[in-house]
Amino acid sequence: MSKISTEEAIFEPPPEDLKHRVAGAVAVTAVAQIVKIALQFAALIILARLLTPDDFGVVAMAGPVIAFLAILQDLGLSQATIQRPSLTQRQASTLFWLNVAAGTMVCFLIVISAPLVGRFYDDERVTLLLWASGPLVMFSCLYTQHMALLARQMRFRDLAIIEGTAATFAFCVAVGAAFVLRDFWATFAYSLALALSTAIGAITITRWRPSRPKRDPHFREMLHFGTGVTGFNLANFLARNLDNVLIGKAWGSVHLGLYDRAYKLLLFPLQQVNGPVQRVMTPALSSMLEQPDRYRHAYIRVVGLMAMTTAPGILVASICSDWIIALLLGPRWMGVAPIFQALSFAGLVQIFNNPIGWLFVTQGRTSELARWGMFSALTCAAAFAVGLPWGSVGVAISYAASELVVRTPALWWYIGRRGAVRASDIIRMVLPFTLASAFAALPVFAIRLTWRHDLLLGVVIATAIGYSIFWLALGCLPAGRVYWKEGRSLLLPFLARRIGRFNDAA
């Protein structure tokens, strides 16, 4: 193994046991994400009470344009920063300045395209929102590399502090703006506050300053890696946003607002779990590439632990969707319930499908990732077109069906053709969770059919029973007990160290 130079060492994680480092990172990240998701859910609920489906429809109309062009801002270079075996100051600086140049171009494209997008939807409010969002997207490129460097160094405590503080500040700003403005600009205030506070935190804590841009001999290699990631992100954008465009154009802002809330309420928490864990696992898995057994073990166990915590919740939310929507959003949002229920079937599968992106990235298979993204986008577009005549509910049902029947088996086969994790490994991982879900669904469904009392109490009871039966069933299966043991082996040492430090401080 080659020695790391002093220049490269400043970008590397501290030399300690990888398993303990990952255990601590997962635990810290989990706590931070619980706080972050709680705040974002609170913002979603409060804003839904203060704003209308039409307001959220306007935001969802502008969202695809911003998301599409924002992909060009990153160019996959933050992933290149994390994945590279070694990184120099020149390389990090080159990636930073490339992000700045791309962000400036994206800002220009958003501003000049805003009138065309507003005319497409026949809504001037979309134009105004895009004009305001252009500079905000450009500003975010100033801290992209700083966040990537913190992830590369496995400074997850610092990342948790940055994101937790930013989420708290943005929540307060958004709620205050919603009370005062009572329109879609409250959501823009949230994005602005989140970007400003994240930038200040990342730049201050990282203490890294880019050098003047200089061409690096590895630049082409890094750009090629980023191009593959960008290709996937562009295709994934189509898969995630074409439904919004079609519904907004064919059915209007109110239908789109209902669909957008259902999508955010269900799939947004999954993204909030997968994203931070990916940040932990990308550098960890990259360091295990030459140890395939260890690589496979780490991947399967972490995904299994994610499924243990999220699958029962999605299952309960799907069965009790009308109760949950009535409690969280109120009676005027009941149109969200059938959309939410349909999307939940896709959500259960995506617990296992989303992390497969880690395998593509850490194995350097970004060209394959881009090709998969194109296949996924085409099949999603076909599903949206099939369901569109039946409105937002039809789109949700068609999308969920295509996720289960078409993309899931194709993805497992595609990633398993080579590499440490095969399709058979994924099937063996998913099977005990499928059986546990079937056992848990029966009593939860019985509660939903027979309960005639307070809705909140009904949701609490259904959730408690759903998680209890799911975990009990998982523990009765030999393959499921492995995840219980793995969870204890990861969390108990972390808790012991924290308790020890607390006692020392006392």
Protein backbone atom coordinates (compact mmCIF):
# COMPACT_ATOMS: atom_id res chain seq x y z
CA MET A 1 0.00 0.00 0.00
CA SER A 2 1.41 3.39 -0.96
CA LYS A 3 2.14 5.93 1.72
CA ILE A 4 -0.09 8.98 2.03
CA SER A 5 1.72 12.30 1.68
CA THR A 6 1.31 15.13 4.19
CA GLU A 7 -0.71 17.09 1.64
CA GLU A 8 -3.10 14.17 1.12
CA ALA A 9 -3.35 13.30 4.81
CA ILE A 10 -5.36 16.44 5.67
CA PHE A 11 -8.24 15.03 3.62
CA GLU A 12 -8.17 11.54 5.14
CA PRO A 13 -10.18 10.17 8.11
CA PRO A 14 -8.37 9.54 11.42
CA PRO A 15 -6.54 6.18 11.61
CA GLU A 16 -8.85 4.19 13.91
CA ASP A 17 -10.79 0.94 13.66
CA LEU A 18 -13.18 1.19 10.71
CA LYS A 19 -16.01 -0.76 12.32
CA HIS A 20 -16.04 1.45 15.41
CA ARG A 21 -15.82 4.55 13.23
CA VAL A 22 -18.76 3.40 11.12
CA ALA A 23 -20.75 2.44 14.22
CA GLY A 24 -20.22 5.86 15.74
CA ALA A 25 -20.97 7.58 12.44
CA VAL A 26 -24.22 5.64 11.94
CA ALA A 27 -25.36 6.38 15.49
CA VAL A 28 -24.52 10.09 15.33
CA THR A 29 -26.09 10.36 11.90
CA ALA A 30 -29.21 8.55 13.08
CA VAL A 31 -29.70 10.94 16.01
CA ALA A 32 -29.13 13.98 13.79
CA GLN A 33 -31.55 12.65 11.19
CA ILE A 34 -34.25 12.01 13.78
CA VAL A 35 -34.04 15.67 14.76
CA LYS A 36 -33.89 16.82 11.15
CA ILE A 37 -36.79 14.66 9.98
CA ALA A 38 -38.88 15.71 12.99
CA LEU A 39 -38.34 19.38 12.13
CA GLN A 40 -39.06 18.86 8.45
CA PHE A 41 -42.19 16.88 9.22
CA ALA A 42 -43.30 19.60 11.60
CA ALA A 43 -42.70 22.19 8.88
CA LEU A 44 -44.62 20.06 6.36
CA ILE A 45 -47.60 19.78 8.73
CA ILE A 46 -47.63 23.42 9.82
CA LEU A 47 -47.21 24.74 6.28
CA ALA A 48 -49.99 22.44 5.05
CA ARG A 49 -52.26 23.98 7.68
CA LEU A 50 -51.35 27.55 6.70
CA LEU A 51 -50.99 27.21 2.92
CA THR A 52 -53.21 25.66 0.24
CA PRO A 53 -52.74 22.83 -2.28
CA ASP A 54 -52.49 25.54 -4.93
CA ASP A 55 -49.45 27.08 -3.19
CA PHE A 56 -47.66 23.74 -3.07
CA GLY A 57 -48.64 23.15 -6.68
CA VAL A 58 -46.77 26.30 -7.72
CA VAL A 59 -43.67 25.13 -5.86
CA ALA A 60 -43.94 21.69 -7.47
CA MET A 61 -44.19 23.31 -10.92
CA ALA A 62 -40.93 25.20 -10.41
CA GLY A 63 -39.22 22.31 -8.65
CA PRO A 64 -38.38 20.13 -11.68
CA VAL A 65 -36.61 23.00 -13.45
CA ILE A 66 -34.49 23.78 -10.40
CA ALA A 67 -33.75 20.11 -9.72
CA PHE A 68 -32.78 19.44 -13.34
CA LEU A 69 -30.35 22.33 -13.63
CA ALA A 70 -28.97 21.82 -10.12
CA ILE A 71 -27.67 18.42 -11.27
CA LEU A 72 -25.36 20.26 -13.68
CA GLN A 73 -24.07 22.33 -10.78
CA ASP A 74 -22.53 19.36 -8.97
CA LEU A 75 -21.50 17.23 -11.99
CA GLY A 76 -21.03 14.28 -9.64
CA LEU A 77 -17.82 15.85 -8.34
CA SER A 78 -18.76 15.69 -4.67
CA GLN A 79 -18.97 11.89 -5.04
CA ALA A 80 -15.60 11.93 -6.79
CA THR A 81 -14.18 13.80 -3.79
CA ILE A 82 -15.40 11.10 -1.40
CA GLN A 83 -14.62 8.05 -3.54
CA ARG A 84 -11.02 8.83 -4.61
CA PRO A 85 -8.33 6.70 -2.88
CA SER A 86 -6.29 9.87 -2.29
CA LEU A 87 -6.98 13.58 -2.69
CA THR A 88 -4.63 16.57 -2.92
CA GLN A 89 -5.17 20.27 -2.31
CA ARG A 90 -4.86 20.93 -6.04
CA GLN A 91 -7.53 18.34 -6.86
CA ALA A 92 -9.93 19.58 -4.18
CA SER A 93 -9.48 23.16 -5.37
CA THR A 94 -9.99 22.19 -9.00
CA LEU A 95 -13.25 20.48 -8.10
CA PHE A 96 -14.36 23.53 -6.10
CA TRP A 97 -13.78 26.00 -8.92
CA LEU A 98 -15.46 23.70 -11.41
CA ASN A 99 -18.51 23.63 -9.14
CA VAL A 100 -18.48 27.44 -8.97
CA ALA A 101 -18.36 27.73 -12.77
CA ALA A 102 -21.15 25.19 -13.17
CA GLY A 103 -23.27 26.95 -10.52
CA THR A 104 -22.92 30.27 -12.33
CA MET A 105 -24.06 28.65 -15.58
CA VAL A 106 -27.02 27.01 -13.83
CA CYS A 107 -28.13 30.33 -12.32
CA PHE A 108 -28.07 31.92 -15.79
CA LEU A 109 -30.09 29.05 -17.30
CA ILE A 110 -32.74 29.19 -14.56
CA VAL A 111 -33.19 32.95 -14.95
CA ILE A 112 -33.54 32.90 -18.74
CA SER A 113 -35.82 29.84 -18.76
CA ALA A 114 -38.19 31.18 -16.09
CA PRO A 115 -40.56 33.06 -18.47
CA LEU A 116 -40.83 30.00 -20.72
CA VAL A 117 -41.71 27.74 -17.81
CA GLY A 118 -44.29 30.23 -16.53
CA ARG A 119 -45.87 30.34 -19.99
CA PHE A 120 -45.88 26.52 -20.19
CA TYR A 121 -47.98 26.31 -17.01
CA ASP A 122 -49.79 29.60 -17.72
CA ASP A 123 -48.87 30.81 -14.23
CA GLU A 124 -46.73 33.92 -13.67
CA ARG A 125 -46.03 32.90 -10.08
CA VAL A 126 -43.80 30.08 -11.37
CA THR A 127 -41.69 32.63 -13.26
CA LEU A 128 -41.20 34.79 -10.17
CA LEU A 129 -40.25 31.79 -8.02
CA LEU A 130 -37.65 30.64 -10.57
CA TRP A 131 -36.12 34.10 -10.82
CA ALA A 132 -35.65 34.11 -7.04
CA SER A 133 -34.30 30.55 -7.00
CA GLY A 134 -31.57 31.02 -9.62
CA PRO A 135 -29.09 32.92 -7.41
CA LEU A 136 -29.90 30.58 -4.53
CA VAL A 137 -28.83 27.54 -6.58
CA MET A 138 -25.61 29.30 -7.57
CA PHE A 139 -24.89 30.17 -3.94
CA SER A 140 -25.14 26.53 -2.85
CA CYS A 141 -22.12 25.58 -4.99
CA LEU A 142 -19.88 27.54 -2.62
CA TYR A 143 -20.14 24.89 0.10
CA THR A 144 -20.67 21.67 -1.88
CA GLN A 145 -16.99 20.69 -1.74
CA HIS A 146 -16.73 21.62 1.93
CA MET A 147 -19.51 19.19 2.81
CA ALA A 148 -17.93 16.50 0.63
CA LEU A 149 -14.57 16.96 2.38
CA LEU A 150 -16.21 16.55 5.80
CA ALA A 151 -17.81 13.32 4.57
CA ARG A 152 -14.49 12.08 3.16
CA GLN A 153 -12.81 12.73 6.51
CA MET A 154 -15.71 10.95 8.26
CA ARG A 155 -16.34 14.02 10.40
CA PHE A 156 -19.97 13.03 10.80
CA ARG A 157 -20.40 14.76 14.14
CA ASP A 158 -19.56 18.07 12.45
CA LEU A 159 -21.92 17.28 9.58
CA ALA A 160 -24.68 16.48 12.06
CA ILE A 161 -24.12 19.79 13.86
CA ILE A 162 -24.22 21.73 10.59
CA GLU A 163 -27.32 20.06 9.24
CA GLY A 164 -29.17 20.01 12.57
CA THR A 165 -28.54 23.70 13.18
CA ALA A 166 -29.46 24.61 9.60
CA ALA A 167 -32.68 22.58 9.76
CA THR A 168 -33.71 24.24 13.02
CA PHE A 169 -33.04 27.73 11.69
CA ALA A 170 -34.84 27.01 8.38
CA PHE A 171 -37.84 25.59 10.25
CA CYS A 172 -38.22 28.73 12.34
CA VAL A 173 -37.89 30.98 9.29
CA ALA A 174 -40.39 28.96 7.24
CA VAL A 175 -43.04 28.91 9.95
CA GLY A 176 -42.62 32.63 10.60
CA ALA A 177 -42.84 33.39 6.88
CA ALA A 178 -45.95 31.22 6.50
CA PHE A 179 -47.74 33.08 9.30
CA VAL A 180 -46.87 36.45 7.75
CA LEU A 181 -47.05 35.79 3.99
CA ARG A 182 -49.59 32.93 3.77
CA ASP A 183 -48.42 31.93 0.28
CA PHE A 184 -45.79 29.86 -1.56
CA TRP A 185 -42.98 32.30 -0.72
CA ALA A 186 -42.78 30.69 2.71
CA THR A 187 -41.23 27.60 1.08
CA PHE A 188 -38.66 29.78 -0.65
CA ALA A 189 -37.82 31.35 2.71
CA TYR A 190 -37.16 27.84 4.02
CA SER A 191 -34.75 27.05 1.16
CA LEU A 192 -32.95 30.38 1.55
CA ALA A 193 -32.47 29.98 5.30
CA LEU A 194 -31.29 26.39 4.89
CA ALA A 195 -28.70 27.31 2.24
CA LEU A 196 -27.32 30.31 4.16
CA SER A 197 -26.97 28.49 7.48
CA THR A 198 -25.46 25.39 5.86
CA ALA A 199 -22.90 27.50 3.98
CA ILE A 200 -21.83 29.38 7.10
CA GLY A 201 -21.51 26.17 9.10
CA ALA A 202 -19.65 24.18 6.43
CA ILE A 203 -17.13 26.88 5.57
CA THR A 204 -16.50 27.74 9.24
CA ILE A 205 -16.09 24.17 10.53
CA THR A 206 -14.11 22.82 7.57
CA ARG A 207 -11.54 25.63 7.70
CA TRP A 208 -10.53 24.69 4.18
CA ARG A 209 -9.82 27.33 1.58
CA PRO A 210 -9.42 26.52 -2.12
CA SER A 211 -6.21 27.41 -3.92
CA ARG A 212 -6.03 29.03 -7.32
CA PRO A 213 -7.29 26.61 -9.99
CA LYS A 214 -4.55 24.52 -11.64
CA ARG A 215 -4.95 21.65 -14.04
CA ASP A 216 -4.33 18.26 -12.41
CA PRO A 217 -3.14 15.11 -14.24
CA HIS A 218 -6.02 13.18 -12.64
CA PHE A 219 -8.61 15.76 -13.66
CA ARG A 220 -9.88 13.77 -16.65
CA GLU A 221 -10.27 10.66 -14.47
CA MET A 222 -12.27 12.58 -11.85
CA LEU A 223 -14.42 14.22 -14.51
CA HIS A 224 -15.13 10.84 -16.11
CA PHE A 225 -16.26 9.47 -12.75
CA GLY A 226 -18.45 12.53 -12.17
CA THR A 227 -19.92 12.27 -15.67
CA GLY A 228 -21.27 8.81 -14.93
CA VAL A 229 -22.85 10.02 -11.68
CA THR A 230 -24.28 13.06 -13.48
CA GLY A 231 -25.72 10.86 -16.22
CA PHE A 232 -27.55 8.81 -13.61
CA ASN A 233 -28.71 11.93 -11.78
CA LEU A 234 -30.13 13.40 -14.99
CA ALA A 235 -31.98 10.18 -15.79
CA ASN A 236 -33.12 9.86 -12.19
CA PHE A 237 -34.39 13.43 -12.39
CA LEU A 238 -36.70 12.40 -15.24
CA ALA A 239 -37.94 9.43 -13.24
CA ARG A 240 -38.60 11.59 -10.15
CA ASN A 241 -40.03 14.73 -11.76
CA LEU A 242 -41.76 13.89 -15.02
CA ASP A 243 -44.86 12.88 -13.04
CA ASN A 244 -45.02 16.41 -11.57
CA VAL A 245 -44.73 18.00 -15.01
CA LEU A 246 -47.43 15.80 -16.54
CA ILE A 247 -49.88 16.17 -13.65
CA GLY A 248 -49.31 19.93 -13.45
CA LYS A 249 -49.88 20.39 -17.17
CA ALA A 250 -52.84 18.00 -17.52
CA TRP A 251 -54.65 18.44 -14.20
CA GLY A 252 -53.47 21.78 -12.75
CA SER A 253 -51.83 23.04 -9.57
CA VAL A 254 -54.39 21.67 -7.08
CA HIS A 255 -54.01 18.05 -8.26
CA LEU A 256 -50.24 18.52 -8.37
CA GLY A 257 -50.24 19.96 -4.86
CA LEU A 258 -52.02 16.85 -3.53
CA TYR A 259 -49.63 14.53 -5.37
CA ASP A 260 -46.58 16.48 -4.21
CA ARG A 261 -47.62 16.31 -0.55
CA ALA A 262 -48.21 12.55 -0.77
CA TYR A 263 -44.82 12.04 -2.41
CA LYS A 264 -43.02 14.22 0.12
CA LEU A 265 -44.82 12.72 3.10
CA LEU A 266 -43.81 9.18 2.18
CA LEU A 267 -40.66 9.15 0.07
CA PHE A 268 -39.01 12.22 1.60
CA PRO A 269 -38.26 10.41 4.91
CA LEU A 270 -36.75 7.52 2.95
CA GLN A 271 -34.44 9.93 1.14
CA GLN A 272 -33.52 11.52 4.46
CA VAL A 273 -32.49 8.11 5.80
CA ASN A 274 -30.69 6.90 2.67
CA GLY A 275 -28.77 10.13 1.98
CA PRO A 276 -26.90 10.48 5.30
CA VAL A 277 -26.24 6.73 5.57
CA GLN A 278 -24.85 6.86 2.02
CA ARG A 279 -22.52 9.61 3.20
CA VAL A 280 -21.21 7.22 5.86
CA MET A 281 -21.10 4.12 3.72
CA THR A 282 -19.51 5.54 0.55
CA PRO A 283 -16.06 6.15 2.08
CA ALA A 284 -16.38 3.04 4.27
CA LEU A 285 -17.24 0.69 1.39
CA SER A 286 -14.64 2.33 -0.85
CA SER A 287 -11.97 1.34 1.68
CA MET A 288 -13.14 -2.32 1.56
CA LEU A 289 -13.01 -2.87 -2.20
CA GLU A 290 -10.09 -5.27 -1.92
CA GLN A 291 -11.93 -7.29 0.78
CA PRO A 292 -15.11 -8.52 -1.00
CA ASP A 293 -16.42 -10.61 1.92
CA ARG A 294 -16.09 -7.71 4.31
CA TYR A 295 -17.60 -5.35 1.71
CA ARG A 296 -20.64 -7.64 1.23
CA HIS A 297 -21.11 -8.12 4.97
CA ALA A 298 -21.02 -4.38 5.69
CA TYR A 299 -23.46 -3.51 2.91
CA ILE A 300 -26.05 -6.19 3.71
CA ARG A 301 -25.99 -5.54 7.45
CA VAL A 302 -26.39 -1.75 7.16
CA VAL A 303 -29.23 -2.02 4.63
CA GLY A 304 -30.88 -4.63 6.85
CA LEU A 305 -30.68 -2.31 9.87
CA MET A 306 -32.24 0.48 7.79
CA ALA A 307 -35.08 -1.87 6.82
CA MET A 308 -35.66 -2.84 10.47
CA THR A 309 -36.33 0.78 11.38
CA THR A 310 -38.25 2.01 8.32
CA ALA A 311 -40.24 -0.91 6.85
CA PRO A 312 -42.73 -1.31 9.74
CA GLY A 313 -43.42 2.43 9.72
CA ILE A 314 -44.17 2.48 6.00
CA LEU A 315 -46.36 -0.60 6.36
CA VAL A 316 -48.46 1.00 9.11
CA ALA A 317 -48.65 4.31 7.23
CA SER A 318 -49.91 2.55 4.13
CA ILE A 319 -52.71 0.68 5.91
CA CYS A 320 -53.74 3.68 8.04
CA SER A 321 -53.11 6.34 5.39
CA ASP A 322 -56.48 8.11 5.75
CA TRP A 323 -56.06 8.35 9.53
CA ILE A 324 -52.56 9.77 9.20
CA ILE A 325 -53.51 12.35 6.55
CA ALA A 326 -56.51 13.51 8.60
CA LEU A 327 -54.32 13.94 11.68
CA LEU A 328 -51.31 15.54 10.03
CA LEU A 329 -52.68 17.67 7.22
CA GLY A 330 -56.38 18.13 7.96
CA PRO A 331 -59.64 17.38 6.13
CA ARG A 332 -58.98 19.51 3.05
CA TRP A 333 -55.99 17.24 2.21
CA MET A 334 -57.85 13.91 2.27
CA GLY A 335 -57.25 13.57 -1.46
CA VAL A 336 -53.64 12.80 -0.52
CA ALA A 337 -54.58 9.50 1.21
CA PRO A 338 -55.12 7.21 -1.85
CA ILE A 339 -52.02 8.64 -3.55
CA PHE A 340 -50.00 8.08 -0.38
CA GLN A 341 -51.24 4.51 -0.08
CA ALA A 342 -50.30 3.66 -3.68
CA LEU A 343 -46.83 5.18 -3.36
CA SER A 344 -46.17 3.29 -0.13
CA PHE A 345 -45.80 0.02 -2.05
CA ALA A 346 -42.97 1.61 -4.03
CA GLY A 347 -41.54 2.96 -0.78
CA LEU A 348 -41.25 -0.51 0.74
CA VAL A 349 -39.23 -1.74 -2.24
CA GLN A 350 -37.07 1.38 -2.39
CA ILE A 351 -35.76 0.67 1.11
CA PHE A 352 -33.65 -1.98 -0.60
CA ASN A 353 -33.30 -0.45 -4.09
CA ASN A 354 -32.01 3.01 -3.20
CA PRO A 355 -28.84 1.78 -1.42
CA ILE A 356 -27.81 -0.17 -4.53
CA GLY A 357 -26.52 3.16 -5.81
CA TRP A 358 -23.78 2.88 -3.17
CA LEU A 359 -22.53 -0.25 -4.92
CA PHE A 360 -22.32 1.41 -8.32
CA VAL A 361 -20.46 4.44 -6.93
CA THR A 362 -18.01 2.69 -4.61
CA GLN A 363 -17.11 0.10 -7.27
CA GLY A 364 -16.47 2.87 -9.82
CA ARG A 365 -19.28 1.56 -12.07
CA THR A 366 -20.68 5.00 -12.83
CA SER A 367 -21.11 4.33 -16.57
CA GLU A 368 -23.34 1.38 -15.67
CA LEU A 369 -25.11 3.61 -13.17
CA ALA A 370 -25.88 6.10 -15.95
CA ARG A 371 -27.22 3.33 -18.21
CA TRP A 372 -29.40 2.04 -15.41
CA GLY A 373 -30.69 5.57 -14.85
CA MET A 374 -31.81 5.79 -18.49
CA PHE A 375 -33.67 2.47 -18.25
CA SER A 376 -35.32 3.58 -15.02
CA ALA A 377 -36.35 6.92 -16.54
CA LEU A 378 -37.88 5.30 -19.62
CA THR A 379 -39.90 2.78 -17.61
CA CYS A 380 -41.08 5.49 -15.20
CA ALA A 381 -42.13 7.72 -18.11
CA ALA A 382 -44.12 4.85 -19.60
CA ALA A 383 -45.81 4.22 -16.25
CA PHE A 384 -46.70 7.91 -15.84
CA ALA A 385 -48.22 8.01 -19.31
CA VAL A 386 -50.31 4.91 -18.60
CA GLY A 387 -51.68 6.30 -15.33
CA LEU A 388 -52.16 9.96 -16.34
CA PRO A 389 -55.75 9.62 -17.70
CA TRP A 390 -56.84 8.63 -14.17
CA GLY A 391 -55.24 11.66 -12.55
CA SER A 392 -52.69 11.76 -9.75
CA VAL A 393 -54.01 8.53 -8.18
CA GLY A 394 -53.60 6.70 -11.49
CA VAL A 395 -50.04 7.97 -11.86
CA ALA A 396 -49.19 6.81 -8.32
CA ILE A 397 -50.63 3.32 -8.85
CA SER A 398 -48.95 2.88 -12.22
CA TYR A 399 -45.59 4.07 -10.86
CA ALA A 400 -45.75 1.69 -7.88
CA ALA A 401 -46.66 -1.25 -10.10
CA SER A 402 -43.75 -0.58 -12.46
CA GLU A 403 -41.36 -0.29 -9.51
CA LEU A 404 -42.41 -3.69 -8.18
CA VAL A 405 -42.75 -5.63 -11.42
CA VAL A 406 -40.22 -4.08 -13.82
CA ARG A 407 -37.43 -2.08 -12.22
CA THR A 408 -36.79 -4.06 -9.04
CA PRO A 409 -35.96 -7.45 -10.65
CA ALA A 410 -34.01 -5.72 -13.43
CA LEU A 411 -31.94 -3.70 -10.93
CA TRP A 412 -31.07 -6.70 -8.79
CA TRP A 413 -29.94 -8.64 -11.84
CA TYR A 414 -27.96 -5.71 -13.25
CA ILE A 415 -25.98 -4.89 -10.11
CA GLY A 416 -25.36 -8.59 -9.36
CA ARG A 417 -23.68 -9.39 -12.66
CA ARG A 418 -20.33 -8.59 -11.07
CA GLY A 419 -18.94 -7.21 -7.86
CA ALA A 420 -19.04 -8.45 -4.28
CA VAL A 421 -22.84 -8.24 -3.88
CA ARG A 422 -24.83 -10.61 -6.11
CA ALA A 423 -28.55 -10.75 -6.84
CA SER A 424 -28.81 -13.87 -4.68
CA ASP A 425 -27.34 -11.92 -1.74
CA ILE A 426 -30.02 -9.24 -2.12
CA ILE A 427 -32.82 -11.82 -2.36
CA ARG A 428 -31.63 -13.55 0.80
CA MET A 429 -31.48 -10.18 2.55
CA VAL A 430 -35.00 -9.14 1.48
CA LEU A 431 -36.79 -12.44 2.17
CA PRO A 432 -37.00 -12.27 6.00
CA PHE A 433 -38.26 -8.68 5.84
CA THR A 434 -40.94 -9.69 3.35
CA LEU A 435 -42.17 -12.45 5.64
CA ALA A 436 -42.08 -10.18 8.69
CA SER A 437 -44.10 -7.54 6.79
CA ALA A 438 -46.75 -10.12 5.90
CA PHE A 439 -47.11 -11.16 9.55
CA ALA A 440 -47.28 -7.54 10.78
CA ALA A 441 -49.79 -6.41 8.13
CA LEU A 442 -52.59 -8.71 9.36
CA PRO A 443 -53.08 -7.31 12.91
CA VAL A 444 -52.56 -3.71 11.71
CA PHE A 445 -55.20 -4.18 9.02
CA ALA A 446 -57.57 -5.66 11.62
CA ILE A 447 -57.12 -2.58 13.82
CA ARG A 448 -57.81 -0.30 10.87
CA LEU A 449 -61.08 -2.10 10.09
CA THR A 450 -62.42 -2.36 13.65
CA TRP A 451 -61.16 0.75 15.49
CA ARG A 452 -63.91 3.31 16.10
CA HIS A 453 -62.36 5.57 18.70
CA ASP A 454 -59.81 8.42 18.74
CA LEU A 455 -57.75 8.46 15.53
CA LEU A 456 -54.49 9.46 17.20
CA LEU A 457 -54.77 6.63 19.72
CA GLY A 458 -55.59 4.26 16.87
CA VAL A 459 -52.45 5.28 14.97
CA VAL A 460 -50.31 4.90 18.10
CA ILE A 461 -51.69 1.42 18.81
CA ALA A 462 -51.36 0.33 15.16
CA THR A 463 -47.76 1.58 15.06
CA ALA A 464 -46.82 -0.14 18.32
CA ILE A 465 -48.38 -3.44 17.23
CA GLY A 466 -46.94 -3.19 13.71
CA TYR A 467 -43.37 -2.67 14.94
CA SER A 468 -43.72 -5.31 17.69
CA ILE A 469 -45.06 -8.03 15.39
CA PHE A 470 -42.57 -7.15 12.65
CA TRP A 471 -39.57 -7.32 14.98
CA LEU A 472 -40.88 -10.45 16.71
CA ALA A 473 -41.40 -12.20 13.39
CA LEU A 474 -37.95 -11.11 12.23
CA GLY A 475 -36.42 -12.48 15.42
CA CYS A 476 -38.11 -15.86 14.86
CA LEU A 477 -36.43 -16.26 11.49
CA PRO A 478 -32.79 -17.47 11.45
CA ALA A 479 -31.88 -14.94 8.76
CA GLY A 480 -33.64 -12.18 10.69
CA ARG A 481 -31.81 -12.80 13.97
CA VAL A 482 -28.58 -11.85 12.22
CA TYR A 483 -29.75 -8.24 12.03
CA TRP A 484 -30.62 -8.15 15.72
CA LYS A 485 -27.13 -9.35 16.57
CA GLU A 486 -25.54 -6.89 14.15
CA GLY A 487 -27.49 -4.00 15.62
CA ARG A 488 -26.31 -4.86 19.11
CA SER A 489 -22.70 -5.26 17.96
CA LEU A 490 -22.76 -1.81 16.35
CA LEU A 491 -24.68 0.19 18.94
CA LEU A 492 -23.60 -1.29 22.28
CA PRO A 493 -19.88 -0.37 21.90
CA PHE A 494 -20.89 3.12 20.79
CA LEU A 495 -23.18 3.56 23.80
CA ALA A 496 -20.53 2.15 26.14
CA ARG A 497 -17.97 4.68 24.91
CA ARG A 498 -20.46 7.54 25.32
CA ILE A 499 -21.39 6.44 28.83
CA GLY A 500 -17.71 6.11 29.70
CA ARG A 501 -16.98 9.63 28.48
CA PHE A 502 -19.97 10.95 30.44
CA ASN A 503 -18.75 9.27 33.62
CA ASP A 504 -15.23 10.61 33.07
CA ALA A 505 -16.59 14.11 32.62
CA ALA A 506 -18.72 13.76 35.76
